[in-house]
């Protein structure tokens, strides 16, 4: 009997000790201890602390997979193919964009894409070179025609008028597509470069038409009559035409930035002096109509330079 009562007391003591431990570690206190123990630690320590907390409740199973589990695999960096980058860039350019009001804009048209290609490619630079060559040819032909001027003969060779008109027509024909490729054709038509281009291309054509309609106009100064005052615009346009060929974007010339800047500065000075020389040469003739000799273009250039 004594032995049985002793065993019951021992079991009761064990139960009392277990209940005391369970009441001392209640759910709220256990949650507070878990929060203070795991705050500021990385997720692996938090998992280990949670396992230790479960062991206090009577669970002693440690899950190693949970401790060392990685949710995301490490990123793998690969080198992208150049063709994929080019296609991605084209898709980005063709994608619809949103304006400042958040409204989606339509994708660029083929006309806009072709215009962008010409503005940033070697083919576009070749086009600019053709424009500059035609403008330079008209200017050079005008300077050549001044060598034929005499007091008794103010006209220029007829073949020179035809050649000048043909070059002006070619200049106009190659420039018309720029209006079609411009984002705003009407706005581009009103630009300064467009206006001086029309004057440069149409002046030789109008001079030839005037001579064919009125034969007496052939005997006037430069066979142009009052239209001769439009020729300085031709040399004025020569400046932007040549500067467009020296744009650093997709430049077809192999030159250093310093060389390019020097050429741009020389082009600006030279074309400005030429335009002033042409205007001075015309004004001097009309002011000194009674003079025995006509001032040559070279003399006017030397005076201005």
C-alpha atoms as a PDB file:
ATOM      1  CA  UNK A   1       0.000   0.000   0.000  1.00  0.00           C
ATOM      2  CA  UNK A   2       2.762   2.387   0.909  1.00  0.00           C
ATOM      3  CA  UNK A   3       4.533   1.696  -2.362  1.00  0.00           C
ATOM      4  CA  UNK A   4       1.378   2.350  -4.428  1.00  0.00           C
ATOM      5  CA  UNK A   5       0.655   5.631  -2.631  1.00  0.00           C
ATOM      6  CA  UNK A   6       4.270   6.727  -3.206  1.00  0.00           C
ATOM      7  CA  UNK A   7       4.029   6.075  -6.923  1.00  0.00           C
ATOM      8  CA  UNK A   8       0.767   8.080  -7.111  1.00  0.00           C
ATOM      9  CA  UNK A   9       2.429  11.020  -5.374  1.00  0.00           C
ATOM     10  CA  UNK A  10       5.331  10.910  -7.799  1.00  0.00           C
ATOM     11  CA  UNK A  11       2.951  10.867 -10.779  1.00  0.00           C
ATOM     12  CA  UNK A  12       1.016  13.774  -9.296  1.00  0.00           C
ATOM     13  CA  UNK A  13       4.222  15.708  -8.791  1.00  0.00           C
ATOM     14  CA  UNK A  14       5.208  15.131 -12.414  1.00  0.00           C
ATOM     15  CA  UNK A  15       1.768  16.273 -13.561  1.00  0.00           C
ATOM     16  CA  UNK A  16       1.976  19.339 -11.387  1.00  0.00           C
ATOM     17  CA  UNK A  17       5.394  20.233 -12.753  1.00  0.00           C
ATOM     18  CA  UNK A  18       4.176  19.821 -16.360  1.00  0.00           C
ATOM     19  CA  UNK A  19       1.058  21.913 -15.745  1.00  0.00           C
ATOM     20  CA  UNK A  20       3.150  24.572 -14.055  1.00  0.00           C
ATOM     21  CA  UNK A  21       5.462  24.759 -17.072  1.00  0.00           C
ATOM     22  CA  UNK A  22       2.513  24.914 -19.459  1.00  0.00           C
ATOM     23  CA  UNK A  23       0.808  27.679 -17.491  1.00  0.00           C
ATOM     24  CA  UNK A  24       4.079  29.634 -17.183  1.00  0.00           C
ATOM     25  CA  UNK A  25       4.500  29.494 -20.957  1.00  0.00           C
ATOM     26  CA  UNK A  26       1.041  30.513 -22.125  1.00  0.00           C
ATOM     27  CA  UNK A  27       0.194  31.278 -25.763  1.00  0.00           C
ATOM     28  CA  UNK A  28       0.540  35.061 -25.379  1.00  0.00           C
ATOM     29  CA  UNK A  29       3.839  34.854 -23.491  1.00  0.00           C
ATOM     30  CA  UNK A  30       5.179  32.332 -25.974  1.00  0.00           C
ATOM     31  CA  UNK A  31       4.260  34.601 -28.887  1.00  0.00           C
ATOM     32  CA  UNK A  32       5.952  37.598 -27.193  1.00  0.00           C
ATOM     33  CA  UNK A  33       9.115  35.578 -26.520  1.00  0.00           C
ATOM     34  CA  UNK A  34       9.150  34.385 -30.150  1.00  0.00           C
ATOM     35  CA  UNK A  35       8.795  37.973 -31.420  1.00  0.00           C
ATOM     36  CA  UNK A  36      11.591  39.339 -29.225  1.00  0.00           C
ATOM     37  CA  UNK A  37      13.862  36.431 -29.989  1.00  0.00           C
ATOM     38  CA  UNK A  38      13.462  36.566 -33.740  1.00  0.00           C
ATOM     39  CA  UNK A  39      13.248  40.321 -34.408  1.00  0.00           C
ATOM     40  CA  UNK A  40      16.107  41.580 -36.585  1.00  0.00           C
ATOM     41  CA  UNK A  41      17.260  38.062 -37.528  1.00  0.00           C
ATOM     42  CA  UNK A  42      17.351  36.546 -40.948  1.00  0.00           C
ATOM     43  CA  UNK A  43      14.668  34.018 -41.962  1.00  0.00           C
ATOM     44  CA  UNK A  44      16.817  30.991 -41.127  1.00  0.00           C
ATOM     45  CA  UNK A  45      17.130  32.003 -37.457  1.00  0.00           C
ATOM     46  CA  UNK A  46      13.426  32.715 -37.337  1.00  0.00           C
ATOM     47  CA  UNK A  47      12.680  29.191 -38.521  1.00  0.00           C
ATOM     48  CA  UNK A  48      15.090  27.786 -35.914  1.00  0.00           C
ATOM     49  CA  UNK A  49      13.466  29.871 -33.161  1.00  0.00           C
ATOM     50  CA  UNK A  50      10.034  28.625 -34.192  1.00  0.00           C
ATOM     51  CA  UNK A  51      11.283  25.040 -33.988  1.00  0.00           C
ATOM     52  CA  UNK A  52      12.684  25.691 -30.504  1.00  0.00           C
ATOM     53  CA  UNK A  53       9.380  27.185 -29.454  1.00  0.00           C
ATOM     54  CA  UNK A  54       7.530  24.142 -30.690  1.00  0.00           C
ATOM     55  CA  UNK A  55       9.908  21.945 -28.685  1.00  0.00           C
ATOM     56  CA  UNK A  56       8.806  23.776 -25.546  1.00  0.00           C
ATOM     57  CA  UNK A  57       5.200  22.829 -26.298  1.00  0.00           C
ATOM     58  CA  UNK A  58       6.245  19.247 -26.501  1.00  0.00           C
ATOM     59  CA  UNK A  59       7.218  18.999 -30.175  1.00  0.00           C
ATOM     60  CA  UNK A  60      10.856  18.061 -30.638  1.00  0.00           C
ATOM     61  CA  UNK A  61      10.948  17.343 -34.372  1.00  0.00           C
ATOM     62  CA  UNK A  62      13.491  19.549 -36.216  1.00  0.00           C
ATOM     63  CA  UNK A  63      12.723  19.997 -39.904  1.00  0.00           C
ATOM     64  CA  UNK A  64      16.073  20.610 -41.609  1.00  0.00           C
ATOM     65  CA  UNK A  65      14.415  21.172 -44.983  1.00  0.00           C
ATOM     66  CA  UNK A  66      12.481  24.089 -43.535  1.00  0.00           C
ATOM     67  CA  UNK A  67      15.636  25.630 -42.050  1.00  0.00           C
ATOM     68  CA  UNK A  68      17.681  25.533 -45.259  1.00  0.00           C
ATOM     69  CA  UNK A  69      14.904  25.915 -47.826  1.00  0.00           C
ATOM     70  CA  UNK A  70      15.433  28.574 -50.559  1.00  0.00           C
ATOM     71  CA  UNK A  71      12.297  30.010 -52.130  1.00  0.00           C
ATOM     72  CA  UNK A  72      13.963  31.480 -55.232  1.00  0.00           C
ATOM     73  CA  UNK A  73      16.730  30.068 -57.364  1.00  0.00           C
ATOM     74  CA  UNK A  74      19.771  32.356 -57.938  1.00  0.00           C
ATOM     75  CA  UNK A  75      19.502  34.477 -61.122  1.00  0.00           C
ATOM     76  CA  UNK A  76      21.508  33.393 -64.139  1.00  0.00           C
ATOM     77  CA  UNK A  77      23.071  36.202 -66.189  1.00  0.00           C
ATOM     78  CA  UNK A  78      23.359  35.478 -69.906  1.00  0.00           C
ATOM     79  CA  UNK A  79      24.750  37.585 -72.740  1.00  0.00           C
ATOM     80  CA  UNK A  80      21.998  38.773 -75.085  1.00  0.00           C
ATOM     81  CA  UNK A  81      22.305  38.271 -78.812  1.00  0.00           C
ATOM     82  CA  UNK A  82      22.794  41.376 -80.967  1.00  0.00           C
ATOM     83  CA  UNK A  83      19.894  40.404 -83.223  1.00  0.00           C
ATOM     84  CA  UNK A  84      17.614  40.130 -80.199  1.00  0.00           C
ATOM     85  CA  UNK A  85      18.696  43.588 -79.036  1.00  0.00           C
ATOM     86  CA  UNK A  86      17.991  45.046 -82.468  1.00  0.00           C
ATOM     87  CA  UNK A  87      14.528  43.479 -82.606  1.00  0.00           C
ATOM     88  CA  UNK A  88      13.805  44.664 -79.077  1.00  0.00           C
ATOM     89  CA  UNK A  89      14.809  48.204 -79.998  1.00  0.00           C
ATOM     90  CA  UNK A  90      12.579  48.117 -83.069  1.00  0.00           C
ATOM     91  CA  UNK A  91       9.676  46.873 -80.968  1.00  0.00           C
ATOM     92  CA  UNK A  92      10.316  49.645 -78.469  1.00  0.00           C
ATOM     93  CA  UNK A  93      10.236  52.249 -81.239  1.00  0.00           C
ATOM     94  CA  UNK A  94       7.093  50.727 -82.718  1.00  0.00           C
ATOM     95  CA  UNK A  95       5.283  50.340 -79.403  1.00  0.00           C
ATOM     96  CA  UNK A  96       2.492  52.701 -78.472  1.00  0.00           C
ATOM     97  CA  UNK A  97       3.574  55.504 -76.168  1.00  0.00           C
ATOM     98  CA  UNK A  98       1.606  57.670 -73.769  1.00  0.00           C
ATOM     99  CA  UNK A  99       1.632  61.457 -73.866  1.00  0.00           C
ATOM    100  CA  UNK A 100       1.699  63.829 -70.901  1.00  0.00           C
ATOM    101  CA  UNK A 101      -2.051  63.337 -70.391  1.00  0.00           C
ATOM    102  CA  UNK A 102      -1.691  59.564 -70.141  1.00  0.00           C
ATOM    103  CA  UNK A 103      -3.378  58.934 -73.487  1.00  0.00           C
ATOM    104  CA  UNK A 104      -1.885  56.224 -75.671  1.00  0.00           C
ATOM    105  CA  UNK A 105      -0.484  57.450 -78.958  1.00  0.00           C
ATOM    106  CA  UNK A 106      -0.558  55.360 -82.130  1.00  0.00           C
ATOM    107  CA  UNK A 107       2.522  53.453 -83.196  1.00  0.00           C
ATOM    108  CA  UNK A 108       4.878  55.211 -85.657  1.00  0.00           C
ATOM    109  CA  UNK A 109       3.924  54.813 -89.292  1.00  0.00           C
ATOM    110  CA  UNK A 110       6.216  53.534 -92.011  1.00  0.00           C
ATOM    111  CA  UNK A 111       6.723  57.089 -93.222  1.00  0.00           C
ATOM    112  CA  UNK A 112       7.921  58.169 -89.788  1.00  0.00           C
ATOM    113  CA  UNK A 113      10.153  55.123 -89.414  1.00  0.00           C
ATOM    114  CA  UNK A 114      11.683  55.744 -92.846  1.00  0.00           C
ATOM    115  CA  UNK A 115      12.278  59.393 -91.988  1.00  0.00           C
ATOM    116  CA  UNK A 116      13.959  58.363 -88.736  1.00  0.00           C
ATOM    117  CA  UNK A 117      16.166  55.953 -90.682  1.00  0.00           C
ATOM    118  CA  UNK A 118      17.264  58.670 -93.105  1.00  0.00           C
ATOM    119  CA  UNK A 119      18.029  61.085 -90.270  1.00  0.00           C
ATOM    120  CA  UNK A 120      20.323  58.622 -88.491  1.00  0.00           C
ATOM    121  CA  UNK A 121      21.960  56.536 -91.219  1.00  0.00           C
ATOM    122  CA  UNK A 122      24.661  56.806 -93.861  1.00  0.00           C
ATOM    123  CA  UNK A 123      22.020  56.793 -96.616  1.00  0.00           C
ATOM    124  CA  UNK A 124      20.593  59.999 -95.216  1.00  0.00           C
ATOM    125  CA  UNK A 125      24.057  61.556 -95.256  1.00  0.00           C
ATOM    126  CA  UNK A 126      24.417  60.628 -98.931  1.00  0.00           C
ATOM    127  CA  UNK A 127      21.174  62.420 -99.592  1.00  0.00           C
ATOM    128  CA  UNK A 128      22.495  65.512 -97.798  1.00  0.00           C
ATOM    129  CA  UNK A 129      25.671  65.306 -99.894  1.00  0.00           C
ATOM    130  CA  UNK A 130      23.638  65.271-103.111  1.00  0.00           C
ATOM    131  CA  UNK A 131      21.755  68.344-101.943  1.00  0.00           C
ATOM    132  CA  UNK A 132      25.006  70.149-101.117  1.00  0.00           C
ATOM    133  CA  UNK A 133      26.589  69.202-104.472  1.00  0.00           C
ATOM    134  CA  UNK A 134      23.633  70.609-106.433  1.00  0.00           C
ATOM    135  CA  UNK A 135      23.658  73.824-104.410  1.00  0.00           C
ATOM    136  CA  UNK A 136      27.433  74.168-104.861  1.00  0.00           C
ATOM    137  CA  UNK A 137      27.130  73.597-108.619  1.00  0.00           C
ATOM    138  CA  UNK A 138      24.565  76.400-108.970  1.00  0.00           C
ATOM    139  CA  UNK A 139      26.757  78.754-106.922  1.00  0.00           C
ATOM    140  CA  UNK A 140      29.865  77.880-108.929  1.00  0.00           C
ATOM    141  CA  UNK A 141      28.007  78.431-112.198  1.00  0.00           C
ATOM    142  CA  UNK A 142      26.883  81.867-111.013  1.00  0.00           C
ATOM    143  CA  UNK A 143      30.472  82.844-110.200  1.00  0.00           C
ATOM    144  CA  UNK A 144      31.538  81.571-113.625  1.00  0.00           C
ATOM    145  CA  UNK A 145      28.845  83.674-115.337  1.00  0.00           C
ATOM    146  CA  UNK A 146      30.227  86.855-113.726  1.00  0.00           C
ATOM    147  CA  UNK A 147      33.412  86.452-115.757  1.00  0.00           C
ATOM    148  CA  UNK A 148      31.438  87.080-118.976  1.00  0.00           C
ATOM    149  CA  UNK A 149      30.133  90.474-117.872  1.00  0.00           C
ATOM    150  CA  UNK A 150      31.308  93.453-119.875  1.00  0.00           C
ATOM    151  CA  UNK A 151      30.069  97.016-120.067  1.00  0.00           C
ATOM    152  CA  UNK A 152      28.796  96.407-123.581  1.00  0.00           C
ATOM    153  CA  UNK A 153      27.525  92.893-122.807  1.00  0.00           C
ATOM    154  CA  UNK A 154      25.655  92.235-119.573  1.00  0.00           C
ATOM    155  CA  UNK A 155      24.202  88.896-120.617  1.00  0.00           C
ATOM    156  CA  UNK A 156      25.525  85.434-119.823  1.00  0.00           C
ATOM    157  CA  UNK A 157      25.751  82.425-122.185  1.00  0.00           C
ATOM    158  CA  UNK A 158      22.398  80.875-122.930  1.00  0.00           C
ATOM    159  CA  UNK A 159      23.669  77.377-122.232  1.00  0.00           C
ATOM    160  CA  UNK A 160      24.609  78.558-118.748  1.00  0.00           C
ATOM    161  CA  UNK A 161      21.016  79.637-118.114  1.00  0.00           C
ATOM    162  CA  UNK A 162      19.721  76.245-119.235  1.00  0.00           C
ATOM    163  CA  UNK A 163      22.254  74.409-117.084  1.00  0.00           C
ATOM    164  CA  UNK A 164      21.464  76.578-114.097  1.00  0.00           C
ATOM    165  CA  UNK A 165      17.735  75.975-114.525  1.00  0.00           C
ATOM    166  CA  UNK A 166      18.288  72.213-114.819  1.00  0.00           C
ATOM    167  CA  UNK A 167      20.309  72.157-111.610  1.00  0.00           C
ATOM    168  CA  UNK A 168      17.620  74.173-109.858  1.00  0.00           C
ATOM    169  CA  UNK A 169      14.941  71.726-111.026  1.00  0.00           C
ATOM    170  CA  UNK A 170      16.994  68.765-109.763  1.00  0.00           C
ATOM    171  CA  UNK A 171      17.486  70.502-106.433  1.00  0.00           C
ATOM    172  CA  UNK A 172      13.744  70.995-106.115  1.00  0.00           C
ATOM    173  CA  UNK A 173      12.915  67.417-107.140  1.00  0.00           C
ATOM    174  CA  UNK A 174      15.306  65.850-104.623  1.00  0.00           C
ATOM    175  CA  UNK A 175      14.035  68.159-101.877  1.00  0.00           C
ATOM    176  CA  UNK A 176      10.300  67.452-102.313  1.00  0.00           C
ATOM    177  CA  UNK A 177      10.441  64.060-100.488  1.00  0.00           C
ATOM    178  CA  UNK A 178      11.615  65.903 -97.372  1.00  0.00           C
ATOM    179  CA  UNK A 179       8.171  67.481 -97.130  1.00  0.00           C
ATOM    180  CA  UNK A 180       6.554  64.051 -97.310  1.00  0.00           C
ATOM    181  CA  UNK A 181       8.831  62.600 -94.607  1.00  0.00           C
ATOM    182  CA  UNK A 182       8.580  65.555 -92.237  1.00  0.00           C
ATOM    183  CA  UNK A 183       6.515  64.979 -89.046  1.00  0.00           C
ATOM    184  CA  UNK A 184       4.552  68.155 -89.842  1.00  0.00           C
ATOM    185  CA  UNK A 185       4.790  68.977 -93.582  1.00  0.00           C
ATOM    186  CA  UNK A 186       3.070  72.349 -93.266  1.00  0.00           C
ATOM    187  CA  UNK A 187       5.330  73.431 -90.435  1.00  0.00           C
ATOM    188  CA  UNK A 188       8.385  72.280 -92.372  1.00  0.00           C
ATOM    189  CA  UNK A 189       7.161  74.175 -95.436  1.00  0.00           C
ATOM    190  CA  UNK A 190       7.156  77.394 -93.392  1.00  0.00           C
ATOM    191  CA  UNK A 191      10.655  76.826 -92.004  1.00  0.00           C
ATOM    192  CA  UNK A 192      13.554  79.075 -93.010  1.00  0.00           C
ATOM    193  CA  UNK A 193      15.497  76.272 -94.678  1.00  0.00           C
ATOM    194  CA  UNK A 194      12.468  75.320 -96.774  1.00  0.00           C
ATOM    195  CA  UNK A 195      11.842  78.908 -97.881  1.00  0.00           C
ATOM    196  CA  UNK A 196      15.434  79.558 -98.964  1.00  0.00           C
ATOM    197  CA  UNK A 197      15.465  76.178-100.722  1.00  0.00           C
ATOM    198  CA  UNK A 198      12.445  77.127-102.800  1.00  0.00           C
ATOM    199  CA  UNK A 199      14.028  80.479-103.654  1.00  0.00           C
ATOM    200  CA  UNK A 200      17.326  78.807-104.621  1.00  0.00           C
ATOM    201  CA  UNK A 201      15.683  76.171-106.809  1.00  0.00           C
ATOM    202  CA  UNK A 202      13.063  78.372-108.490  1.00  0.00           C
ATOM    203  CA  UNK A 203      15.199  81.448-109.180  1.00  0.00           C
ATOM    204  CA  UNK A 204      17.191  79.912-112.112  1.00  0.00           C
ATOM    205  CA  UNK A 205      13.988  78.410-113.513  1.00  0.00           C
ATOM    206  CA  UNK A 206      12.198  81.765-113.348  1.00  0.00           C
ATOM    207  CA  UNK A 207      15.161  83.551-114.947  1.00  0.00           C
ATOM    208  CA  UNK A 208      15.142  81.142-117.903  1.00  0.00           C
ATOM    209  CA  UNK A 209      11.357  81.384-118.219  1.00  0.00           C
ATOM    210  CA  UNK A 210      11.584  85.181-118.185  1.00  0.00           C
ATOM    211  CA  UNK A 211      14.181  85.139-120.966  1.00  0.00           C
ATOM    212  CA  UNK A 212      12.067  82.777-123.086  1.00  0.00           C
ATOM    213  CA  UNK A 213       8.946  84.865-122.597  1.00  0.00           C
ATOM    214  CA  UNK A 214      10.631  88.274-122.917  1.00  0.00           C
ATOM    215  CA  UNK A 215      13.757  88.171-125.151  1.00  0.00           C
ATOM    216  CA  UNK A 216      14.663  91.718-124.123  1.00  0.00           C
ATOM    217  CA  UNK A 217      15.374  90.457-120.591  1.00  0.00           C
ATOM    218  CA  UNK A 218      18.370  88.552-121.935  1.00  0.00           C
ATOM    219  CA  UNK A 219      20.317  91.810-122.320  1.00  0.00           C
ATOM    220  CA  UNK A 220      19.879  92.809-118.635  1.00  0.00           C
ATOM    221  CA  UNK A 221      22.453  92.322-115.875  1.00  0.00           C
ATOM    222  CA  UNK A 222      23.211  88.595-115.546  1.00  0.00           C
ATOM    223  CA  UNK A 223      20.232  88.106-117.923  1.00  0.00           C
ATOM    224  CA  UNK A 224      18.093  88.057-114.799  1.00  0.00           C
ATOM    225  CA  UNK A 225      16.630  91.536-114.578  1.00  0.00           C
ATOM    226  CA  UNK A 226      15.270  92.290-111.103  1.00  0.00           C
ATOM    227  CA  UNK A 227      15.463  88.593-110.188  1.00  0.00           C
ATOM    228  CA  UNK A 228      19.219  89.020-109.797  1.00  0.00           C
ATOM    229  CA  UNK A 229      18.627  90.259-106.226  1.00  0.00           C
ATOM    230  CA  UNK A 230      17.516  86.758-105.286  1.00  0.00           C
ATOM    231  CA  UNK A 231      20.905  85.191-106.065  1.00  0.00           C
ATOM    232  CA  UNK A 232      22.444  86.039-102.644  1.00  0.00           C
ATOM    233  CA  UNK A 233      19.863  83.668-101.117  1.00  0.00           C
ATOM    234  CA  UNK A 234      21.473  80.875-103.141  1.00  0.00           C
ATOM    235  CA  UNK A 235      24.782  81.416-101.330  1.00  0.00           C
ATOM    236  CA  UNK A 236      22.976  81.830 -98.017  1.00  0.00           C
ATOM    237  CA  UNK A 237      21.442  78.372 -98.420  1.00  0.00           C
ATOM    238  CA  UNK A 238      24.847  76.908 -99.254  1.00  0.00           C
ATOM    239  CA  UNK A 239      25.864  77.294 -95.621  1.00  0.00           C
ATOM    240  CA  UNK A 240      23.240  74.979 -93.989  1.00  0.00           C
ATOM    241  CA  UNK A 241      23.512  72.585 -96.937  1.00  0.00           C
ATOM    242  CA  UNK A 242      27.221  72.053 -96.296  1.00  0.00           C
ATOM    243  CA  UNK A 243      26.855  72.008 -92.507  1.00  0.00           C
ATOM    244  CA  UNK A 244      24.314  69.179 -92.736  1.00  0.00           C
ATOM    245  CA  UNK A 245      27.054  67.020 -94.268  1.00  0.00           C
ATOM    246  CA  UNK A 246      29.212  67.538 -91.177  1.00  0.00           C
ATOM    247  CA  UNK A 247      26.648  66.340 -88.648  1.00  0.00           C
ATOM    248  CA  UNK A 248      28.415  63.891 -86.271  1.00  0.00           C
ATOM    249  CA  UNK A 249      25.459  61.448 -86.251  1.00  0.00           C
ATOM    250  CA  UNK A 250      26.321  58.550 -88.591  1.00  0.00           C
ATOM    251  CA  UNK A 251      29.033  60.651 -90.180  1.00  0.00           C
ATOM    252  CA  UNK A 252      30.466  59.033 -93.307  1.00  0.00           C
ATOM    253  CA  UNK A 253      33.720  60.953 -93.001  1.00  0.00           C
ATOM    254  CA  UNK A 254      36.539  59.641 -90.854  1.00  0.00           C
ATOM    255  CA  UNK A 255      37.627  62.744 -88.988  1.00  0.00           C
ATOM    256  CA  UNK A 256      38.241  63.807 -85.441  1.00  0.00           C
ATOM    257  CA  UNK A 257      35.799  66.108 -83.613  1.00  0.00           C
ATOM    258  CA  UNK A 258      38.373  68.917 -83.754  1.00  0.00           C
ATOM    259  CA  UNK A 259      38.704  68.603 -87.537  1.00  0.00           C
ATOM    260  CA  UNK A 260      34.922  68.577 -87.913  1.00  0.00           C
ATOM    261  CA  UNK A 261      34.540  71.728 -85.811  1.00  0.00           C
ATOM    262  CA  UNK A 262      37.263  73.508 -87.790  1.00  0.00           C
ATOM    263  CA  UNK A 263      35.561  72.624 -91.081  1.00  0.00           C
ATOM    264  CA  UNK A 264      32.211  73.824 -89.766  1.00  0.00           C
ATOM    265  CA  UNK A 265      33.735  77.153 -88.726  1.00  0.00           C
ATOM    266  CA  UNK A 266      35.488  77.619 -92.082  1.00  0.00           C
ATOM    267  CA  UNK A 267      32.294  76.721 -93.953  1.00  0.00           C
ATOM    268  CA  UNK A 268      30.290  79.282 -92.000  1.00  0.00           C
ATOM    269  CA  UNK A 269      32.807  82.055 -92.619  1.00  0.00           C
ATOM    270  CA  UNK A 270      33.356  81.261 -96.298  1.00  0.00           C
ATOM    271  CA  UNK A 271      29.675  81.009 -97.261  1.00  0.00           C
ATOM    272  CA  UNK A 272      28.844  84.193 -95.336  1.00  0.00           C
ATOM    273  CA  UNK A 273      31.570  86.099 -97.174  1.00  0.00           C
ATOM    274  CA  UNK A 274      30.337  84.734-100.509  1.00  0.00           C
ATOM    275  CA  UNK A 275      26.743  85.800 -99.863  1.00  0.00           C
ATOM    276  CA  UNK A 276      27.844  89.328 -98.909  1.00  0.00           C
ATOM    277  CA  UNK A 277      30.119  89.465-101.961  1.00  0.00           C
ATOM    278  CA  UNK A 278      27.279  88.575-104.341  1.00  0.00           C
ATOM    279  CA  UNK A 279      25.042  91.258-102.849  1.00  0.00           C
ATOM    280  CA  UNK A 280      27.852  93.837-102.954  1.00  0.00           C
ATOM    281  CA  UNK A 281      28.668  92.988-106.570  1.00  0.00           C
ATOM    282  CA  UNK A 282      25.043  93.553-107.617  1.00  0.00           C
ATOM    283  CA  UNK A 283      24.632  96.774-105.620  1.00  0.00           C
ATOM    284  CA  UNK A 284      27.856  98.265-106.978  1.00  0.00           C
ATOM    285  CA  UNK A 285      26.740  97.653-110.565  1.00  0.00           C
ATOM    286  CA  UNK A 286      23.395  99.415-110.097  1.00  0.00           C
ATOM    287  CA  UNK A 287      25.043 102.310-108.268  1.00  0.00           C
ATOM    288  CA  UNK A 288      27.753 102.841-110.916  1.00  0.00           C
ATOM    289  CA  UNK A 289      25.855 102.280-114.148  1.00  0.00           C
ATOM    290  CA  UNK A 290      27.784 105.121-115.804  1.00  0.00           C
ATOM    291  CA  UNK A 291      31.203 103.651-115.036  1.00  0.00           C
ATOM    292  CA  UNK A 292      33.400 102.582-117.900  1.00  0.00           C
ATOM    293  CA  UNK A 293      34.227  99.199-116.375  1.00  0.00           C
ATOM    294  CA  UNK A 294      32.187  96.766-114.318  1.00  0.00           C
ATOM    295  CA  UNK A 295      33.659  95.742-111.014  1.00  0.00           C
ATOM    296  CA  UNK A 296      34.576  92.084-111.166  1.00  0.00           C
ATOM    297  CA  UNK A 297      33.394  89.463-108.733  1.00  0.00           C
ATOM    298  CA  UNK A 298      36.981  88.822-107.628  1.00  0.00           C
ATOM    299  CA  UNK A 299      37.452  92.500-106.787  1.00  0.00           C
ATOM    300  CA  UNK A 300      34.283  92.536-104.712  1.00  0.00           C
ATOM    301  CA  UNK A 301      35.368  89.343-102.937  1.00  0.00           C
ATOM    302  CA  UNK A 302      38.765  90.850-102.144  1.00  0.00           C
ATOM    303  CA  UNK A 303      37.101  94.003-100.811  1.00  0.00           C
ATOM    304  CA  UNK A 304      34.706  92.048 -98.530  1.00  0.00           C
ATOM    305  CA  UNK A 305      37.306  89.533 -97.353  1.00  0.00           C
END
